[in-house]
Amino acid sequence: MNLPSSHLAAEAPPVPLIRNASHGVRPMEAADLQAVGRLFNKAFRNRDEAPQQDLLDYLDRVFLKCPGYAPDNGSIVHEDHHGRIDSALLALPMPFLVCGRRITARLLCAFMADKKTGLAGAARLARAIRLSQPDLCFSDNASPVSADHWTTGGGFMLPVQSLEWRRTFQPFQAGFDRLREKLPAGSHLPLSMSLKAADFVARRFFEAFTPPEPAGVTSIEADFDDFFTCAATMTERFAIRPDWSRDDLLWLMDTAASNMSLGRLRCKRVFNAKGTTIGCYLFFGRPGRMAHVLNILCREGHEFDVVGHMFSDLSASGYSAAHGMAQPFLMNALMRQRQMNFRHRGYFCMVTRHQDIRAAATGNDIFVGGLASESWSRLLTDFA
């Protein structure tokens, strides 16, 4: 997201967004969904056409009917002098516990403008966010230009969370999966048997493609209650963390599970040799394809066992590779893996009016990403 150059007051009270207080900026309403859906198609799908009902329903569910929604913490639009919406910023409120107090953070998602005619409106949207002096706003995939605007506007970047890790188990199938991401037409090539044979040989002669299993560590399929319990207890060590109620998390996981383009949403609960739960991991995937890991949770000191078991289990289950957002508390365990790569995935940017939140975040005392980001959203992978 683009934030104009100016510095936020450290502890000033937040300023609510008032209709038309910033030259046509106002909260998004249900009546705006057609215009916003069309903007989305133009900005992200390169086609100027009315949105399908599926997209309208998804925008309504995620950005107008999510838990904790209120006009002051939701999405905003800009109307030009003709009353036409020429730019929009989709935002999702998320409950966070920060330095001992509960706040509603704002996850900034799709930022769109109607080409050159919407640039002035987009700048006003960015200015409105900055002037509202938020408790916490963040985005997990900002472009370099947007990241520069975040920092000049008083925000900051999280370097580690701006990285994606990728661990390969089946090199030929994984390579073909990457090709399909860039050239979807290639998915119809009849290469299945050839890739399986090549990967069988590669895994037999190069043991690095087969992750070792940590001694005594096992896992079972987990349900919502397992993940809710792990999320509540295993993130307590972080000064900044999601503060999901059961209803919050149930809505979030149910909405994430609708992203069938990434496969089925699954959770595994991890145990040590004594039968004690030491972690869990949440991921999308179809065996034979890439596993998209959303969240890895673990008890402090068990990072190596949970990460090592996760990769061993995903490999044995037939996934070609796995990838996810890097997290500082997991980096040592991740970097010990073979066939591991890290790449820049987009800047993870934050802005806050509170100095203690900024200090905790830049000091890596924070748990974000996965469900506490937009990596589960259909807007990133669907509605082609």
Protein backbone atom coordinates (compact mmCIF):
# COMPACT_ATOMS: atom_id res chain seq x y z
CA MET A 1 0.00 0.00 0.00
CA ASN A 2 1.23 3.53 -0.77
CA LEU A 3 1.53 5.83 2.24
CA PRO A 4 2.49 9.47 1.62
CA SER A 5 5.49 11.00 3.33
CA SER A 6 4.67 12.18 6.86
CA HIS A 7 5.34 10.96 10.38
CA LEU A 8 2.70 9.64 12.74
CA ALA A 9 2.34 11.02 16.23
CA ALA A 10 3.54 8.40 18.68
CA GLU A 11 0.70 8.27 21.19
CA ALA A 12 -2.00 10.63 19.91
CA PRO A 13 -5.58 9.35 20.13
CA PRO A 14 -6.90 7.67 16.97
CA VAL A 15 -8.93 9.79 14.59
CA PRO A 16 -12.08 8.05 13.30
CA LEU A 17 -12.73 8.05 9.58
CA ILE A 18 -15.67 10.36 8.89
CA ARG A 19 -17.65 10.29 5.64
CA ASN A 20 -16.28 12.81 3.13
CA ALA A 21 -13.74 14.10 5.65
CA SER A 22 -10.90 13.62 3.18
CA HIS A 23 -12.15 14.68 -0.25
CA GLY A 24 -14.47 11.80 -1.11
CA VAL A 25 -13.06 9.09 1.17
CA ARG A 26 -15.68 7.05 3.04
CA PRO A 27 -16.28 3.53 4.40
CA MET A 28 -17.21 0.89 1.83
CA GLU A 29 -20.89 -0.13 1.83
CA ALA A 30 -22.83 -3.05 0.35
CA ALA A 31 -24.06 -0.81 -2.46
CA ASP A 32 -20.42 -0.31 -3.55
CA LEU A 33 -19.63 -3.98 -4.19
CA GLN A 34 -20.44 -3.91 -7.91
CA ALA A 35 -18.10 -0.96 -8.49
CA VAL A 36 -15.38 -2.40 -6.23
CA GLY A 37 -15.65 -5.81 -7.90
CA ARG A 38 -15.24 -4.20 -11.30
CA LEU A 39 -12.20 -2.27 -10.04
CA PHE A 40 -10.74 -5.55 -8.76
CA ASN A 41 -11.15 -7.17 -12.20
CA LYS A 42 -9.48 -4.20 -13.91
CA ALA A 43 -6.61 -3.87 -11.45
CA PHE A 44 -5.77 -7.52 -10.74
CA ARG A 45 -7.30 -9.58 -13.54
CA ASN A 46 -6.64 -7.15 -16.42
CA ARG A 47 -10.20 -7.14 -17.72
CA ASP A 48 -12.85 -4.44 -17.67
CA GLU A 49 -16.02 -6.37 -16.91
CA ALA A 50 -18.72 -6.62 -14.29
CA PRO A 51 -17.87 -8.96 -11.40
CA GLN A 52 -19.39 -12.43 -11.17
CA GLN A 53 -21.76 -13.11 -8.28
CA ASP A 54 -19.17 -15.39 -6.65
CA LEU A 55 -16.73 -12.49 -6.32
CA LEU A 56 -19.45 -10.16 -4.99
CA ASP A 57 -20.49 -12.73 -2.38
CA TYR A 58 -16.86 -13.21 -1.31
CA LEU A 59 -16.22 -9.47 -0.97
CA ASP A 60 -19.39 -9.12 1.07
CA ARG A 61 -18.55 -12.06 3.36
CA VAL A 62 -14.92 -11.17 3.97
CA PHE A 63 -15.01 -7.38 4.14
CA LEU A 64 -18.53 -6.46 5.29
CA LYS A 65 -19.71 -9.46 7.34
CA CYS A 66 -16.53 -10.53 9.11
CA PRO A 67 -16.41 -10.69 12.93
CA GLY A 68 -15.59 -7.35 14.53
CA TYR A 69 -16.49 -5.32 11.44
CA ALA A 70 -17.36 -1.67 11.93
CA PRO A 71 -17.24 1.14 9.36
CA ASP A 72 -14.30 2.77 11.15
CA ASN A 73 -12.07 -0.34 10.90
CA GLY A 74 -13.17 -1.75 7.56
CA SER A 75 -12.59 -1.09 3.88
CA ILE A 76 -12.68 2.41 2.37
CA VAL A 77 -13.46 3.81 -1.07
CA HIS A 78 -12.96 7.12 -2.84
CA GLU A 79 -15.64 8.85 -4.89
CA ASP A 80 -14.70 11.35 -7.58
CA HIS A 81 -16.66 14.58 -8.09
CA HIS A 82 -19.21 12.65 -10.20
CA GLY A 83 -19.90 10.25 -7.32
CA ARG A 84 -18.11 7.38 -9.11
CA ILE A 85 -15.83 5.07 -7.12
CA ASP A 86 -12.39 5.37 -8.72
CA SER A 87 -10.26 3.66 -6.03
CA ALA A 88 -10.70 1.34 -3.08
CA LEU A 89 -8.71 -0.22 -0.25
CA LEU A 90 -9.98 -3.52 1.15
CA ALA A 91 -9.25 -3.95 4.84
CA LEU A 92 -10.02 -6.75 7.29
CA PRO A 93 -10.26 -6.09 11.05
CA MET A 94 -8.39 -8.62 13.20
CA PRO A 95 -8.30 -8.84 17.02
CA PHE A 96 -4.77 -8.65 18.42
CA LEU A 97 -3.25 -8.68 21.88
CA VAL A 98 -0.41 -6.16 21.92
CA CYS A 99 1.81 -5.56 24.92
CA GLY A 100 -0.94 -6.69 27.28
CA ARG A 101 -3.89 -4.83 25.75
CA ARG A 102 -6.50 -5.88 23.20
CA ILE A 103 -6.89 -3.88 20.00
CA THR A 104 -8.51 -4.27 16.61
CA ALA A 105 -5.74 -4.34 14.03
CA ARG A 106 -6.41 -3.71 10.37
CA LEU A 107 -5.07 -6.04 7.68
CA LEU A 108 -4.78 -3.98 4.48
CA CYS A 109 -5.46 -6.17 1.47
CA ALA A 110 -6.21 -5.23 -2.14
CA PHE A 111 -5.45 -1.58 -2.95
CA MET A 112 -6.85 -0.67 -6.35
CA ALA A 113 -7.38 2.34 -8.58
CA ASP A 114 -9.01 2.91 -11.94
CA LYS A 115 -5.72 3.41 -13.76
CA LYS A 116 -4.60 7.05 -14.03
CA THR A 117 -8.04 8.47 -13.31
CA GLY A 118 -8.00 6.89 -9.87
CA LEU A 119 -4.50 7.86 -8.76
CA ALA A 120 -5.58 10.99 -6.91
CA GLY A 121 -8.26 9.02 -5.10
CA ALA A 122 -5.78 6.30 -4.18
CA ALA A 123 -3.46 8.90 -2.69
CA ARG A 124 -6.35 10.25 -0.61
CA LEU A 125 -7.17 6.76 0.65
CA ALA A 126 -3.55 6.28 1.74
CA ARG A 127 -3.58 9.69 3.41
CA ALA A 128 -6.81 8.86 5.24
CA ILE A 129 -5.24 5.72 6.74
CA ARG A 130 -2.17 7.64 7.84
CA LEU A 131 -4.13 10.52 9.37
CA SER A 132 -6.37 8.10 11.30
CA GLN A 133 -3.29 7.31 13.44
CA PRO A 134 -4.08 3.60 13.75
CA ASP A 135 -3.33 1.27 16.65
CA LEU A 136 -1.94 -1.19 14.11
CA CYS A 137 -2.24 -1.60 10.35
CA PHE A 138 -0.28 -4.14 8.37
CA SER A 139 0.11 -5.65 4.90
CA ASP A 140 2.03 -8.82 4.09
CA ASN A 141 2.79 -8.42 0.38
CA ALA A 142 3.64 -4.78 -0.39
CA SER A 143 5.61 -3.94 -3.53
CA PRO A 144 8.97 -2.12 -3.28
CA VAL A 145 7.34 1.21 -4.19
CA SER A 146 4.58 0.67 -1.64
CA ALA A 147 7.13 -0.33 1.00
CA ASP A 148 8.98 2.95 0.43
CA HIS A 149 5.74 4.85 1.01
CA TRP A 150 5.06 2.88 4.20
CA THR A 151 8.45 3.83 5.66
CA THR A 152 8.33 7.49 4.62
CA GLY A 153 4.82 7.65 6.07
CA GLY A 154 6.01 6.54 9.50
CA GLY A 155 5.71 2.79 9.01
CA PHE A 156 8.33 0.05 9.01
CA MET A 157 9.11 -3.33 7.45
CA LEU A 158 9.65 -6.76 8.98
CA PRO A 159 12.52 -8.28 6.92
CA VAL A 160 12.15 -11.92 7.99
CA GLN A 161 8.38 -12.03 7.45
CA SER A 162 9.00 -10.60 3.98
CA LEU A 163 10.65 -13.90 3.02
CA GLU A 164 9.09 -17.14 1.83
CA TRP A 165 10.73 -20.49 2.59
CA ARG A 166 10.43 -23.44 0.21
CA ARG A 167 11.47 -27.04 0.90
CA THR A 168 11.58 -29.50 -2.02
CA PHE A 169 10.74 -33.23 -1.76
CA GLN A 170 10.11 -34.17 -5.42
CA PRO A 171 12.31 -31.93 -7.56
CA PHE A 172 10.84 -32.69 -10.97
CA GLN A 173 7.20 -32.44 -9.91
CA ALA A 174 7.98 -29.29 -7.88
CA GLY A 175 9.67 -27.72 -10.90
CA PHE A 176 6.66 -28.55 -13.05
CA ASP A 177 4.37 -26.99 -10.42
CA ARG A 178 6.35 -23.75 -10.60
CA LEU A 179 6.08 -23.80 -14.39
CA ARG A 180 2.31 -24.18 -14.11
CA GLU A 181 2.15 -21.08 -11.91
CA LYS A 182 3.67 -19.03 -14.72
CA LEU A 183 2.16 -20.92 -17.67
CA PRO A 184 -1.21 -22.40 -16.65
CA ALA A 185 -1.65 -23.95 -20.10
CA GLY A 186 1.25 -26.27 -19.28
CA SER A 187 -0.87 -28.06 -16.67
CA HIS A 188 -2.44 -30.14 -19.44
CA LEU A 189 0.84 -31.71 -20.54
CA PRO A 190 0.76 -35.53 -20.01
CA LEU A 191 3.91 -35.73 -17.89
CA SER A 192 2.62 -37.39 -14.74
CA MET A 193 4.25 -40.80 -15.14
CA SER A 194 7.55 -39.36 -16.38
CA LEU A 195 7.79 -36.95 -13.45
CA LYS A 196 7.04 -39.71 -10.93
CA ALA A 197 9.77 -41.90 -12.41
CA ALA A 198 12.29 -39.08 -12.42
CA ASP A 199 11.48 -38.15 -8.82
CA PHE A 200 11.75 -41.78 -7.70
CA VAL A 201 15.30 -41.89 -9.05
CA ALA A 202 16.18 -38.47 -7.59
CA ARG A 203 14.95 -39.39 -4.12
CA ARG A 204 16.73 -42.73 -4.22
CA PHE A 205 20.13 -41.31 -5.13
CA PHE A 206 19.94 -37.93 -3.36
CA GLU A 207 18.85 -38.40 0.24
CA ALA A 208 18.54 -34.64 0.81
CA PHE A 209 15.10 -34.77 -0.85
CA THR A 210 13.83 -37.06 1.95
CA PRO A 211 13.69 -35.20 5.29
CA PRO A 212 14.69 -37.28 8.33
CA GLU A 213 12.09 -37.91 11.03
CA PRO A 214 12.99 -36.55 14.50
CA ALA A 215 13.20 -39.41 17.01
CA GLY A 216 10.00 -40.11 18.92
CA VAL A 217 7.92 -37.39 17.27
CA THR A 218 4.51 -38.27 15.80
CA SER A 219 1.39 -36.47 14.62
CA ILE A 220 -2.31 -37.05 14.06
CA GLU A 221 -5.01 -35.26 12.11
CA ALA A 222 -6.30 -32.39 14.24
CA ASP A 223 -9.61 -30.54 14.40
CA PHE A 224 -10.66 -26.97 15.04
CA ASP A 225 -10.51 -27.32 18.83
CA ASP A 226 -6.94 -28.64 18.64
CA PHE A 227 -5.79 -25.67 16.59
CA PHE A 228 -7.70 -23.19 18.77
CA THR A 229 -6.05 -24.58 21.91
CA CYS A 230 -2.57 -24.56 20.37
CA ALA A 231 -3.01 -21.04 19.00
CA ALA A 232 -4.12 -19.73 22.39
CA THR A 233 -1.32 -21.35 24.42
CA MET A 234 1.64 -21.52 22.04
CA THR A 235 1.58 -17.85 21.05
CA GLU A 236 1.48 -16.52 24.64
CA ARG A 237 5.23 -15.90 24.57
CA PHE A 238 4.83 -13.13 21.94
CA ALA A 239 4.10 -9.52 22.90
CA ILE A 240 2.10 -9.09 19.66
CA ARG A 241 -0.18 -11.94 18.67
CA PRO A 242 -3.69 -12.65 17.35
CA ASP A 243 -6.38 -12.71 20.05
CA TRP A 244 -8.98 -14.89 18.36
CA SER A 245 -12.15 -15.90 20.12
CA ARG A 246 -13.68 -19.24 19.13
CA ASP A 247 -16.13 -17.44 16.83
CA ASP A 248 -13.35 -15.32 15.27
CA LEU A 249 -11.21 -18.34 14.50
CA LEU A 250 -14.11 -20.50 13.34
CA TRP A 251 -15.14 -17.82 10.83
CA LEU A 252 -11.55 -17.36 9.67
CA MET A 253 -10.84 -21.07 9.18
CA ASP A 254 -14.18 -21.65 7.47
CA THR A 255 -13.54 -18.74 5.10
CA ALA A 256 -9.98 -19.90 4.43
CA ALA A 257 -11.19 -23.45 3.71
CA SER A 258 -13.30 -22.10 0.84
CA ASN A 259 -10.07 -21.44 -1.10
CA MET A 260 -10.18 -24.80 -2.86
CA SER A 261 -7.67 -23.64 -5.48
CA LEU A 262 -4.96 -24.33 -2.86
CA GLY A 263 -6.36 -27.74 -1.93
CA ARG A 264 -7.94 -28.96 1.29
CA LEU A 265 -7.27 -27.12 4.55
CA ARG A 266 -5.78 -29.55 7.08
CA CYS A 267 -4.26 -29.41 10.55
CA LYS A 268 -1.83 -31.87 12.17
CA ARG A 269 -1.12 -32.07 15.91
CA VAL A 270 2.44 -33.00 16.89
CA PHE A 271 3.48 -35.07 19.93
CA ASN A 272 6.83 -35.90 21.50
CA ALA A 273 7.88 -39.36 22.70
CA LYS A 274 6.04 -38.83 26.03
CA GLY A 275 2.76 -38.12 24.23
CA THR A 276 2.81 -34.41 25.08
CA THR A 277 1.49 -31.99 22.46
CA ILE A 278 4.44 -29.87 21.34
CA GLY A 279 2.97 -28.15 18.30
CA CYS A 280 0.69 -28.22 15.30
CA TYR A 281 0.70 -26.97 11.72
CA LEU A 282 -2.06 -25.77 9.42
CA PHE A 283 -1.73 -26.13 5.66
CA PHE A 284 -3.46 -26.37 2.30
CA GLY A 285 -2.56 -29.00 -0.25
CA ARG A 286 -3.21 -31.91 -2.54
CA PRO A 287 -0.79 -34.87 -2.39
CA GLY A 288 1.41 -34.79 -5.46
CA ARG A 289 1.36 -30.98 -5.48
CA MET A 290 2.77 -28.17 -3.35
CA ALA A 291 1.73 -27.86 0.31
CA HIS A 292 0.95 -24.27 1.29
CA VAL A 293 1.76 -23.98 5.01
CA LEU A 294 -0.18 -21.25 6.79
CA ASN A 295 0.89 -21.53 10.44
CA ILE A 296 3.42 -23.52 12.45
CA LEU A 297 2.78 -23.44 16.19
CA CYS A 298 5.05 -24.96 18.81
CA ARG A 299 6.04 -24.86 22.43
CA GLU A 300 9.19 -22.83 23.03
CA GLY A 301 12.25 -25.04 22.64
CA HIS A 302 10.50 -27.58 20.37
CA GLU A 303 10.94 -25.74 17.07
CA PHE A 304 13.39 -28.31 15.65
CA ASP A 305 11.12 -31.27 16.42
CA VAL A 306 7.94 -29.68 15.07
CA VAL A 307 9.54 -28.30 11.89
CA GLY A 308 11.50 -31.49 11.25
CA HIS A 309 8.44 -33.69 11.71
CA MET A 310 6.28 -31.44 9.53
CA PHE A 311 8.66 -31.78 6.59
CA SER A 312 9.09 -35.51 7.09
CA ASP A 313 5.31 -35.99 7.25
CA LEU A 314 4.57 -33.84 4.21
CA SER A 315 7.23 -35.66 2.22
CA ALA A 316 5.93 -39.09 3.22
CA SER A 317 2.37 -37.97 2.38
CA GLY A 318 3.37 -37.37 -1.24
CA TYR A 319 3.60 -33.57 -1.49
CA SER A 320 6.10 -32.34 -4.06
CA ALA A 321 7.30 -29.43 -1.91
CA ALA A 322 6.15 -27.10 0.86
CA HIS A 323 6.30 -23.35 1.27
CA GLY A 324 5.23 -20.71 3.76
CA MET A 325 6.02 -17.35 5.34
CA ALA A 326 9.27 -17.12 7.30
CA GLN A 327 9.04 -16.38 11.02
CA PRO A 328 11.98 -15.28 13.22
CA PHE A 329 11.35 -17.87 15.93
CA LEU A 330 11.47 -20.67 13.32
CA MET A 331 14.47 -19.51 11.27
CA ASN A 332 17.10 -21.63 13.00
CA ALA A 333 15.01 -24.79 12.55
CA LEU A 334 14.19 -23.92 8.94
CA MET A 335 17.78 -23.14 7.95
CA ARG A 336 18.98 -26.53 9.23
CA GLN A 337 16.88 -28.23 6.55
CA ARG A 338 18.44 -29.40 3.31
CA GLN A 339 16.87 -28.47 -0.03
CA MET A 340 15.62 -25.28 1.63
CA ASN A 341 15.41 -21.98 -0.22
CA PHE A 342 14.35 -18.50 0.83
CA ARG A 343 13.08 -15.82 -1.52
CA HIS A 344 11.59 -12.37 -1.22
CA ARG A 345 7.78 -12.69 -1.32
CA GLY A 346 6.69 -9.05 -0.90
CA TYR A 347 7.34 -6.63 1.94
CA PHE A 348 5.61 -7.19 5.27
CA CYS A 349 4.86 -3.62 6.38
CA MET A 350 3.30 -2.18 9.53
CA VAL A 351 2.30 1.20 10.88
CA THR A 352 1.29 2.04 14.45
CA ARG A 353 0.99 5.12 16.64
CA HIS A 354 2.32 3.17 19.67
CA GLN A 355 6.06 3.06 20.33
CA ASP A 356 5.85 -0.14 22.41
CA ILE A 357 4.18 -2.00 19.53
CA ARG A 358 6.83 -0.77 17.12
CA ALA A 359 9.63 -1.82 19.49
CA ALA A 360 8.15 -5.30 20.01
CA ALA A 361 7.58 -5.87 16.29
CA THR A 362 11.04 -4.73 15.19
CA GLY A 363 12.49 -6.84 18.02
CA ASN A 364 10.79 -9.94 16.54
CA ASP A 365 8.49 -10.31 19.55
CA ILE A 366 5.52 -10.88 17.23
CA PHE A 367 3.45 -13.72 15.80
CA VAL A 368 1.78 -12.88 12.49
CA GLY A 369 1.29 -14.56 9.13
CA GLY A 370 -0.83 -17.42 7.87
CA LEU A 371 -4.35 -16.92 9.17
CA ALA A 372 -3.12 -13.62 10.63
CA SER A 373 -2.41 -12.32 7.11
CA GLU A 374 -4.08 -12.61 3.71
CA SER A 375 -2.19 -15.66 2.41
CA TRP A 376 -5.39 -17.75 2.70
CA SER A 377 -7.52 -15.32 0.67
CA ARG A 378 -9.18 -16.33 -2.58
CA LEU A 379 -8.43 -12.84 -3.90
CA LEU A 380 -4.79 -13.92 -4.34
CA THR A 381 -5.47 -17.18 -6.19
CA ASP A 382 -9.01 -17.25 -7.53
CA PHE A 383 -11.57 -15.36 -9.65
CA ALA A 384 -9.40 -15.67 -12.77
